[in-house]
Amino acid sequence: MRIRYTKIEVITIKDIKLYVMQGCPFCNKVEKYVKENNLSVELVDIKADPKYEDELVRLGGKDQVPMLLVDGKPLYESDDIIEWFKEKL
């Protein structure tokens, strides 16, 4: 009798924030994916308060949305963010 072992990757995500801006088509694309897949992600609209835009630049290094911040690491580009969700969540 042979025993097969399967490698299981355990993903622990402490903090996920999605920085978006109202009216941004790329942000809308990611937000739509999040809603359709019932993902638990904190959405931060950078235009809701000036401190959020400052936070976006401080944490990510540039003024670009959408930005997914995962455990302090930024990820840009809507397709890349959606792909990350598909692989990790």
PDB file of N, CA and C in Angstrom:
ATOM      1  N   MET A   1       0.837  -1.176   0.000  1.00  0.00           N
ATOM      2  CA  MET A   1       0.000   0.000   0.000  1.00  0.00           C
ATOM      3  C   MET A   1       0.887   1.247   0.000  1.00  0.00           C
ATOM      4  N   ARG A   2       0.633   2.140  -0.959  1.00  0.00           N
ATOM      5  CA  ARG A   2       1.400   3.385  -1.050  1.00  0.00           C
ATOM      6  C   ARG A   2       0.584   4.523  -0.476  1.00  0.00           C
ATOM      7  N   ILE A   3       1.260   5.352   0.251  1.00  0.00           N
ATOM      8  CA  ILE A   3       0.610   6.542   0.802  1.00  0.00           C
ATOM      9  C   ILE A   3       1.068   7.733  -0.015  1.00  0.00           C
ATOM     10  N   ARG A   4       0.116   8.504  -0.457  1.00  0.00           N
ATOM     11  CA  ARG A   4       0.443   9.718  -1.215  1.00  0.00           C
ATOM     12  C   ARG A   4       0.238  10.928  -0.317  1.00  0.00           C
ATOM     13  N   TYR A   5       1.197  11.802  -0.385  1.00  0.00           N
ATOM     14  CA  TYR A   5       1.105  13.035   0.381  1.00  0.00           C
ATOM     15  C   TYR A   5       0.850  14.181  -0.582  1.00  0.00           C
ATOM     16  N   THR A   6      -0.008  15.046  -0.172  1.00  0.00           N
ATOM     17  CA  THR A   6      -0.315  16.216  -0.975  1.00  0.00           C
ATOM     18  C   THR A   6       0.173  17.450  -0.234  1.00  0.00           C
ATOM     19  N   LYS A   7       0.861  18.284  -0.945  1.00  0.00           N
ATOM     20  CA  LYS A   7       1.326  19.530  -0.344  1.00  0.00           C
ATOM     21  C   LYS A   7       0.146  20.493  -0.273  1.00  0.00           C
ATOM     22  N   ILE A   8      -0.100  20.999   0.916  1.00  0.00           N
ATOM     23  CA  ILE A   8      -1.183  21.957   1.108  1.00  0.00           C
ATOM     24  C   ILE A   8      -0.564  23.282   1.517  1.00  0.00           C
ATOM     25  N   GLU A   9      -0.904  24.311   0.783  1.00  0.00           N
ATOM     26  CA  GLU A   9      -0.398  25.638   1.103  1.00  0.00           C
ATOM     27  C   GLU A   9      -1.412  26.338   1.992  1.00  0.00           C
ATOM     28  N   VAL A  10      -0.969  26.741   3.151  1.00  0.00           N
ATOM     29  CA  VAL A  10      -1.836  27.466   4.073  1.00  0.00           C
ATOM     30  C   VAL A  10      -1.516  28.944   3.936  1.00  0.00           C
ATOM     31  N   ILE A  11      -2.531  29.715   3.653  1.00  0.00           N
ATOM     32  CA  ILE A  11      -2.347  31.142   3.465  1.00  0.00           C
ATOM     33  C   ILE A  11      -2.961  31.863   4.647  1.00  0.00           C
ATOM     34  N   THR A  12      -2.143  32.618   5.325  1.00  0.00           N
ATOM     35  CA  THR A  12      -2.630  33.421   6.433  1.00  0.00           C
ATOM     36  C   THR A  12      -2.510  34.875   6.020  1.00  0.00           C
ATOM     37  N   ILE A  13      -3.634  35.519   5.926  1.00  0.00           N
ATOM     38  CA  ILE A  13      -3.648  36.913   5.510  1.00  0.00           C
ATOM     39  C   ILE A  13      -4.177  37.732   6.673  1.00  0.00           C
ATOM     40  N   LYS A  14      -3.331  38.589   7.171  1.00  0.00           N
ATOM     41  CA  LYS A  14      -3.707  39.388   8.326  1.00  0.00           C
ATOM     42  C   LYS A  14      -4.530  40.599   7.920  1.00  0.00           C
ATOM     43  N   ASP A  15      -4.171  41.197   6.825  1.00  0.00           N
ATOM     44  CA  ASP A  15      -4.786  42.473   6.482  1.00  0.00           C
ATOM     45  C   ASP A  15      -4.866  42.623   4.967  1.00  0.00           C
ATOM     46  N   ILE A  16      -6.080  42.830   4.477  1.00  0.00           N
ATOM     47  CA  ILE A  16      -6.283  43.079   3.051  1.00  0.00           C
ATOM     48  C   ILE A  16      -7.089  44.359   2.907  1.00  0.00           C
ATOM     49  N   LYS A  17      -6.544  45.290   2.135  1.00  0.00           N
ATOM     50  CA  LYS A  17      -7.260  46.526   1.823  1.00  0.00           C
ATOM     51  C   LYS A  17      -7.187  46.739   0.320  1.00  0.00           C
ATOM     52  N   LEU A  18      -8.301  47.152  -0.243  1.00  0.00           N
ATOM     53  CA  LEU A  18      -8.348  47.478  -1.661  1.00  0.00           C
ATOM     54  C   LEU A  18      -8.605  48.971  -1.784  1.00  0.00           C
ATOM     55  N   TYR A  19      -7.612  49.690  -2.283  1.00  0.00           N
ATOM     56  CA  TYR A  19      -7.727  51.132  -2.474  1.00  0.00           C
ATOM     57  C   TYR A  19      -8.317  51.385  -3.853  1.00  0.00           C
ATOM     58  N   VAL A  20      -9.393  52.151  -3.877  1.00  0.00           N
ATOM     59  CA  VAL A  20     -10.114  52.426  -5.116  1.00  0.00           C
ATOM     60  C   VAL A  20     -10.474  53.909  -5.175  1.00  0.00           C
ATOM     61  N   MET A  21     -10.997  54.308  -6.325  1.00  0.00           N
ATOM     62  CA  MET A  21     -11.488  55.665  -6.505  1.00  0.00           C
ATOM     63  C   MET A  21     -12.783  55.583  -7.291  1.00  0.00           C
ATOM     64  N   GLN A  22     -13.794  56.252  -6.791  1.00  0.00           N
ATOM     65  CA  GLN A  22     -15.088  56.247  -7.459  1.00  0.00           C
ATOM     66  C   GLN A  22     -14.933  56.775  -8.885  1.00  0.00           C
ATOM     67  N   GLY A  23     -15.528  56.073  -9.842  1.00  0.00           N
ATOM     68  CA  GLY A  23     -15.468  56.476 -11.241  1.00  0.00           C
ATOM     69  C   GLY A  23     -14.317  55.859 -12.024  1.00  0.00           C
ATOM     70  N   CYS A  24     -13.427  55.163 -11.353  1.00  0.00           N
ATOM     71  CA  CYS A  24     -12.285  54.516 -12.012  1.00  0.00           C
ATOM     72  C   CYS A  24     -12.750  53.179 -12.596  1.00  0.00           C
ATOM     73  N   PRO A  25     -12.686  53.006 -13.929  1.00  0.00           N
ATOM     74  CA  PRO A  25     -13.177  51.762 -14.533  1.00  0.00           C
ATOM     75  C   PRO A  25     -12.392  50.518 -14.103  1.00  0.00           C
ATOM     76  N   PHE A  26     -11.111  50.669 -13.853  1.00  0.00           N
ATOM     77  CA  PHE A  26     -10.300  49.529 -13.418  1.00  0.00           C
ATOM     78  C   PHE A  26     -10.658  49.129 -11.987  1.00  0.00           C
ATOM     79  N   CYS A  27     -10.941  50.137 -11.167  1.00  0.00           N
ATOM     80  CA  CYS A  27     -11.396  49.876  -9.792  1.00  0.00           C
ATOM     81  C   CYS A  27     -12.754  49.191  -9.814  1.00  0.00           C
ATOM     82  N   ASN A  28     -13.639  49.678 -10.679  1.00  0.00           N
ATOM     83  CA  ASN A  28     -14.978  49.079 -10.796  1.00  0.00           C
ATOM     84  C   ASN A  28     -14.890  47.604 -11.170  1.00  0.00           C
ATOM     85  N   LYS A  29     -13.961  47.277 -12.049  1.00  0.00           N
ATOM     86  CA  LYS A  29     -13.768  45.887 -12.480  1.00  0.00           C
ATOM     87  C   LYS A  29     -13.402  44.995 -11.289  1.00  0.00           C
ATOM     88  N   VAL A  30     -12.475  45.469 -10.456  1.00  0.00           N
ATOM     89  CA  VAL A  30     -12.049  44.691  -9.292  1.00  0.00           C
ATOM     90  C   VAL A  30     -13.164  44.634  -8.251  1.00  0.00           C
ATOM     91  N   GLU A  31     -13.829  45.767  -8.007  1.00  0.00           N
ATOM     92  CA  GLU A  31     -14.931  45.798  -7.038  1.00  0.00           C
ATOM     93  C   GLU A  31     -16.047  44.841  -7.454  1.00  0.00           C
ATOM     94  N   LYS A  32     -16.331  44.789  -8.739  1.00  0.00           N
ATOM     95  CA  LYS A  32     -17.363  43.879  -9.241  1.00  0.00           C
ATOM     96  C   LYS A  32     -16.977  42.429  -8.948  1.00  0.00           C
ATOM     97  N   TYR A  33     -15.719  42.085  -9.192  1.00  0.00           N
ATOM     98  CA  TYR A  33     -15.249  40.724  -8.919  1.00  0.00           C
ATOM     99  C   TYR A  33     -15.378  40.400  -7.426  1.00  0.00           C
ATOM    100  N   VAL A  34     -14.991  41.344  -6.586  1.00  0.00           N
ATOM    101  CA  VAL A  34     -15.071  41.154  -5.133  1.00  0.00           C
ATOM    102  C   VAL A  34     -16.510  40.885  -4.707  1.00  0.00           C
ATOM    103  N   LYS A  35     -17.438  41.696  -5.210  1.00  0.00           N
ATOM    104  CA  LYS A  35     -18.851  41.548  -4.837  1.00  0.00           C
ATOM    105  C   LYS A  35     -19.445  40.249  -5.372  1.00  0.00           C
ATOM    106  N   GLU A  36     -19.167  39.928  -6.623  1.00  0.00           N
ATOM    107  CA  GLU A  36     -19.718  38.714  -7.238  1.00  0.00           C
ATOM    108  C   GLU A  36     -19.224  37.438  -6.554  1.00  0.00           C
ATOM    109  N   ASN A  37     -18.050  37.519  -5.947  1.00  0.00           N
ATOM    110  CA  ASN A  37     -17.464  36.342  -5.307  1.00  0.00           C
ATOM    111  C   ASN A  37     -17.531  36.396  -3.777  1.00  0.00           C
ATOM    112  N   ASN A  38     -18.289  37.371  -3.277  1.00  0.00           N
ATOM    113  CA  ASN A  38     -18.497  37.513  -1.825  1.00  0.00           C
ATOM    114  C   ASN A  38     -17.197  37.475  -1.027  1.00  0.00           C
ATOM    115  N   LEU A  39     -16.209  38.213  -1.495  1.00  0.00           N
ATOM    116  CA  LEU A  39     -14.923  38.248  -0.807  1.00  0.00           C
ATOM    117  C   LEU A  39     -14.952  39.288   0.307  1.00  0.00           C
ATOM    118  N   SER A  40     -14.289  38.978   1.381  1.00  0.00           N
ATOM    119  CA  SER A  40     -14.218  39.891   2.516  1.00  0.00           C
ATOM    120  C   SER A  40     -12.965  40.748   2.374  1.00  0.00           C
ATOM    121  N   VAL A  41     -13.152  41.936   1.836  1.00  0.00           N
ATOM    122  CA  VAL A  41     -12.040  42.846   1.574  1.00  0.00           C
ATOM    123  C   VAL A  41     -12.460  44.239   2.015  1.00  0.00           C
ATOM    124  N   GLU A  42     -11.579  44.913   2.738  1.00  0.00           N
ATOM    125  CA  GLU A  42     -11.864  46.290   3.132  1.00  0.00           C
ATOM    126  C   GLU A  42     -11.628  47.202   1.931  1.00  0.00           C
ATOM    127  N   LEU A  43     -12.660  47.937   1.520  1.00  0.00           N
ATOM    128  CA  LEU A  43     -12.548  48.886   0.414  1.00  0.00           C
ATOM    129  C   LEU A  43     -12.261  50.270   0.975  1.00  0.00           C
ATOM    130  N   VAL A  44     -11.277  50.942   0.404  1.00  0.00           N
ATOM    131  CA  VAL A  44     -10.905  52.281   0.833  1.00  0.00           C
ATOM    132  C   VAL A  44     -10.995  53.201  -0.378  1.00  0.00           C
ATOM    133  N   ASP A  45     -11.970  54.116  -0.369  1.00  0.00           N
ATOM    134  CA  ASP A  45     -12.121  55.097  -1.447  1.00  0.00           C
ATOM    135  C   ASP A  45     -11.204  56.270  -1.134  1.00  0.00           C
ATOM    136  N   ILE A  46     -10.189  56.457  -1.957  1.00  0.00           N
ATOM    137  CA  ILE A  46      -9.177  57.476  -1.663  1.00  0.00           C
ATOM    138  C   ILE A  46      -9.719  58.898  -1.744  1.00  0.00           C
ATOM    139  N   LYS A  47     -10.875  59.092  -2.356  1.00  0.00           N
ATOM    140  CA  LYS A  47     -11.456  60.432  -2.450  1.00  0.00           C
ATOM    141  C   LYS A  47     -12.415  60.726  -1.293  1.00  0.00           C
ATOM    142  N   ALA A  48     -12.694  59.724  -0.455  1.00  0.00           N
ATOM    143  CA  ALA A  48     -13.594  59.923   0.680  1.00  0.00           C
ATOM    144  C   ALA A  48     -12.954  60.817   1.742  1.00  0.00           C
ATOM    145  N   ASP A  49     -11.629  60.793   1.814  1.00  0.00           N
ATOM    146  CA  ASP A  49     -10.902  61.582   2.805  1.00  0.00           C
ATOM    147  C   ASP A  49      -9.467  61.731   2.297  1.00  0.00           C
ATOM    148  N   PRO A  50      -8.913  62.952   2.333  1.00  0.00           N
ATOM    149  CA  PRO A  50      -7.544  63.158   1.836  1.00  0.00           C
ATOM    150  C   PRO A  50      -6.506  62.252   2.499  1.00  0.00           C
ATOM    151  N   LYS A  51      -6.758  61.845   3.737  1.00  0.00           N
ATOM    152  CA  LYS A  51      -5.777  60.987   4.420  1.00  0.00           C
ATOM    153  C   LYS A  51      -5.616  59.642   3.718  1.00  0.00           C
ATOM    154  N   TYR A  52      -6.674  59.172   3.024  1.00  0.00           N
ATOM    155  CA  TYR A  52      -6.591  57.881   2.337  1.00  0.00           C
ATOM    156  C   TYR A  52      -5.684  57.942   1.111  1.00  0.00           C
ATOM    157  N   GLU A  53      -5.721  59.062   0.412  1.00  0.00           N
ATOM    158  CA  GLU A  53      -4.820  59.206  -0.737  1.00  0.00           C
ATOM    159  C   GLU A  53      -3.369  59.294  -0.259  1.00  0.00           C
ATOM    160  N   ASP A  54      -3.153  60.015   0.838  1.00  0.00           N
ATOM    161  CA  ASP A  54      -1.810  60.086   1.425  1.00  0.00           C
ATOM    162  C   ASP A  54      -1.339  58.699   1.862  1.00  0.00           C
ATOM    163  N   GLU A  55      -2.253  57.946   2.443  1.00  0.00           N
ATOM    164  CA  GLU A  55      -1.951  56.582   2.896  1.00  0.00           C
ATOM    165  C   GLU A  55      -1.590  55.687   1.709  1.00  0.00           C
ATOM    166  N   LEU A  56      -2.338  55.831   0.614  1.00  0.00           N
ATOM    167  CA  LEU A  56      -2.078  55.065  -0.607  1.00  0.00           C
ATOM    168  C   LEU A  56      -0.643  55.277  -1.082  1.00  0.00           C
ATOM    169  N   VAL A  57      -0.228  56.539  -1.157  1.00  0.00           N
ATOM    170  CA  VAL A  57       1.114  56.874  -1.634  1.00  0.00           C
ATOM    171  C   VAL A  57       2.175  56.421  -0.628  1.00  0.00           C
ATOM    172  N   ARG A  58       1.910  56.629   0.639  1.00  0.00           N
ATOM    173  CA  ARG A  58       2.873  56.252   1.676  1.00  0.00           C
ATOM    174  C   ARG A  58       3.103  54.738   1.706  1.00  0.00           C
ATOM    175  N   LEU A  59       2.032  53.971   1.592  1.00  0.00           N
ATOM    176  CA  LEU A  59       2.144  52.515   1.692  1.00  0.00           C
ATOM    177  C   LEU A  59       2.573  51.847   0.389  1.00  0.00           C
ATOM    178  N   GLY A  60       2.136  52.416  -0.740  1.00  0.00           N
ATOM    179  CA  GLY A  60       2.428  51.781  -2.017  1.00  0.00           C
ATOM    180  C   GLY A  60       3.529  52.428  -2.826  1.00  0.00           C
ATOM    181  N   GLY A  61       3.832  53.680  -2.505  1.00  0.00           N
ATOM    182  CA  GLY A  61       4.906  54.357  -3.216  1.00  0.00           C
ATOM    183  C   GLY A  61       4.469  55.132  -4.440  1.00  0.00           C
ATOM    184  N   LYS A  62       3.186  55.013  -4.814  1.00  0.00           N
ATOM    185  CA  LYS A  62       2.693  55.780  -5.956  1.00  0.00           C
ATOM    186  C   LYS A  62       1.195  56.029  -5.828  1.00  0.00           C
ATOM    187  N   ASP A  63       0.744  57.010  -6.583  1.00  0.00           N
ATOM    188  CA  ASP A  63      -0.661  57.424  -6.558  1.00  0.00           C
ATOM    189  C   ASP A  63      -1.391  56.714  -7.695  1.00  0.00           C
ATOM    190  N   GLN A  64      -1.659  55.432  -7.499  1.00  0.00           N
ATOM    191  CA  GLN A  64      -2.307  54.624  -8.541  1.00  0.00           C
ATOM    192  C   GLN A  64      -3.323  53.690  -7.898  1.00  0.00           C
ATOM    193  N   VAL A  65      -4.504  53.656  -8.505  1.00  0.00           N
ATOM    194  CA  VAL A  65      -5.548  52.723  -8.070  1.00  0.00           C
ATOM    195  C   VAL A  65      -6.007  51.916  -9.270  1.00  0.00           C
ATOM    196  N   PRO A  66      -6.525  50.732  -9.071  1.00  0.00           N
ATOM    197  CA  PRO A  66      -6.674  50.072  -7.786  1.00  0.00           C
ATOM    198  C   PRO A  66      -5.332  49.568  -7.271  1.00  0.00           C
ATOM    199  N   MET A  67      -5.256  49.534  -5.938  1.00  0.00           N
ATOM    200  CA  MET A  67      -4.095  48.938  -5.292  1.00  0.00           C
ATOM    201  C   MET A  67      -4.604  48.003  -4.204  1.00  0.00           C
ATOM    202  N   LEU A  68      -4.147  46.784  -4.251  1.00  0.00           N
ATOM    203  CA  LEU A  68      -4.467  45.817  -3.211  1.00  0.00           C
ATOM    204  C   LEU A  68      -3.274  45.775  -2.271  1.00  0.00           C
ATOM    205  N   LEU A  69      -3.540  46.013  -1.001  1.00  0.00           N
ATOM    206  CA  LEU A  69      -2.492  45.958   0.008  1.00  0.00           C
ATOM    207  C   LEU A  69      -2.711  44.693   0.827  1.00  0.00           C
ATOM    208  N   VAL A  70      -1.754  43.778   0.751  1.00  0.00           N
ATOM    209  CA  VAL A  70      -1.847  42.500   1.452  1.00  0.00           C
ATOM    210  C   VAL A  70      -0.676  42.399   2.418  1.00  0.00           C
ATOM    211  N   ASP A  71      -1.001  42.393   3.688  1.00  0.00           N
ATOM    212  CA  ASP A  71       0.035  42.315   4.725  1.00  0.00           C
ATOM    213  C   ASP A  71       1.151  43.326   4.476  1.00  0.00           C
ATOM    214  N   GLY A  72       0.776  44.535   4.072  1.00  0.00           N
ATOM    215  CA  GLY A  72       1.732  45.615   3.875  1.00  0.00           C
ATOM    216  C   GLY A  72       2.416  45.655   2.528  1.00  0.00           C
ATOM    217  N   LYS A  73       2.078  44.736   1.627  1.00  0.00           N
ATOM    218  CA  LYS A  73       2.710  44.695   0.303  1.00  0.00           C
ATOM    219  C   LYS A  73       1.701  45.118  -0.761  1.00  0.00           C
ATOM    220  N   PRO A  74       2.072  46.093  -1.617  1.00  0.00           N
ATOM    221  CA  PRO A  74       1.137  46.574  -2.637  1.00  0.00           C
ATOM    222  C   PRO A  74       1.125  45.705  -3.895  1.00  0.00           C
ATOM    223  N   LEU A  75      -0.054  45.640  -4.502  1.00  0.00           N
ATOM    224  CA  LEU A  75      -0.220  44.978  -5.796  1.00  0.00           C
ATOM    225  C   LEU A  75      -1.096  45.888  -6.646  1.00  0.00           C
ATOM    226  N   TYR A  76      -0.639  46.182  -7.856  1.00  0.00           N
ATOM    227  CA  TYR A  76      -1.359  47.076  -8.759  1.00  0.00           C
ATOM    228  C   TYR A  76      -1.875  46.300  -9.971  1.00  0.00           C
ATOM    229  N   GLU A  77      -2.653  46.982 -10.783  1.00  0.00           N
ATOM    230  CA  GLU A  77      -3.228  46.471 -12.032  1.00  0.00           C
ATOM    231  C   GLU A  77      -4.420  45.557 -11.741  1.00  0.00           C
ATOM    232  N   SER A  78      -5.556  45.922 -12.298  1.00  0.00           N
ATOM    233  CA  SER A  78      -6.810  45.213 -12.012  1.00  0.00           C
ATOM    234  C   SER A  78      -6.735  43.725 -12.345  1.00  0.00           C
ATOM    235  N   ASP A  79      -6.167  43.378 -13.481  1.00  0.00           N
ATOM    236  CA  ASP A  79      -6.080  41.958 -13.854  1.00  0.00           C
ATOM    237  C   ASP A  79      -5.193  41.174 -12.883  1.00  0.00           C
ATOM    238  N   ASP A  80      -4.099  41.788 -12.443  1.00  0.00           N
ATOM    239  CA  ASP A  80      -3.202  41.130 -11.490  1.00  0.00           C
ATOM    240  C   ASP A  80      -3.884  40.945 -10.133  1.00  0.00           C
ATOM    241  N   ILE A  81      -4.657  41.942  -9.723  1.00  0.00           N
ATOM    242  CA  ILE A  81      -5.373  41.861  -8.448  1.00  0.00           C
ATOM    243  C   ILE A  81      -6.421  40.757  -8.501  1.00  0.00           C
ATOM    244  N   ILE A  82      -7.177  40.710  -9.579  1.00  0.00           N
ATOM    245  CA  ILE A  82      -8.200  39.665  -9.727  1.00  0.00           C
ATOM    246  C   ILE A  82      -7.547  38.288  -9.769  1.00  0.00           C
ATOM    247  N   GLU A  83      -6.446  38.174 -10.466  1.00  0.00           N
ATOM    248  CA  GLU A  83      -5.728  36.895 -10.527  1.00  0.00           C
ATOM    249  C   GLU A  83      -5.249  36.485  -9.137  1.00  0.00           C
ATOM    250  N   TRP A  84      -4.775  37.450  -8.359  1.00  0.00           N
ATOM    251  CA  TRP A  84      -4.350  37.156  -6.988  1.00  0.00           C
ATOM    252  C   TRP A  84      -5.526  36.607  -6.176  1.00  0.00           C
ATOM    253  N   PHE A  85      -6.683  37.256  -6.297  1.00  0.00           N
ATOM    254  CA  PHE A  85      -7.876  36.772  -5.590  1.00  0.00           C
ATOM    255  C   PHE A  85      -8.208  35.339  -6.003  1.00  0.00           C
ATOM    256  N   LYS A  86      -8.138  35.064  -7.292  1.00  0.00           N
ATOM    257  CA  LYS A  86      -8.468  33.719  -7.787  1.00  0.00           C
ATOM    258  C   LYS A  86      -7.520  32.669  -7.217  1.00  0.00           C
ATOM    259  N   GLU A  87      -6.257  33.020  -7.090  1.00  0.00           N
ATOM    260  CA  GLU A  87      -5.257  32.064  -6.613  1.00  0.00           C
ATOM    261  C   GLU A  87      -5.237  31.909  -5.100  1.00  0.00           C
ATOM    262  N   LYS A  88      -5.504  32.995  -4.392  1.00  0.00           N
ATOM    263  CA  LYS A  88      -5.286  32.988  -2.941  1.00  0.00           C
ATOM    264  C   LYS A  88      -6.552  32.883  -2.097  1.00  0.00           C
ATOM    265  N   LEU A  89      -7.680  33.324  -2.624  1.00  0.00           N
ATOM    266  CA  LEU A  89      -8.901  33.312  -1.796  1.00  0.00           C
ATOM    267  C   LEU A  89      -9.930  32.350  -2.339  1.00  0.00           C
TER     268      LEU A  89
END
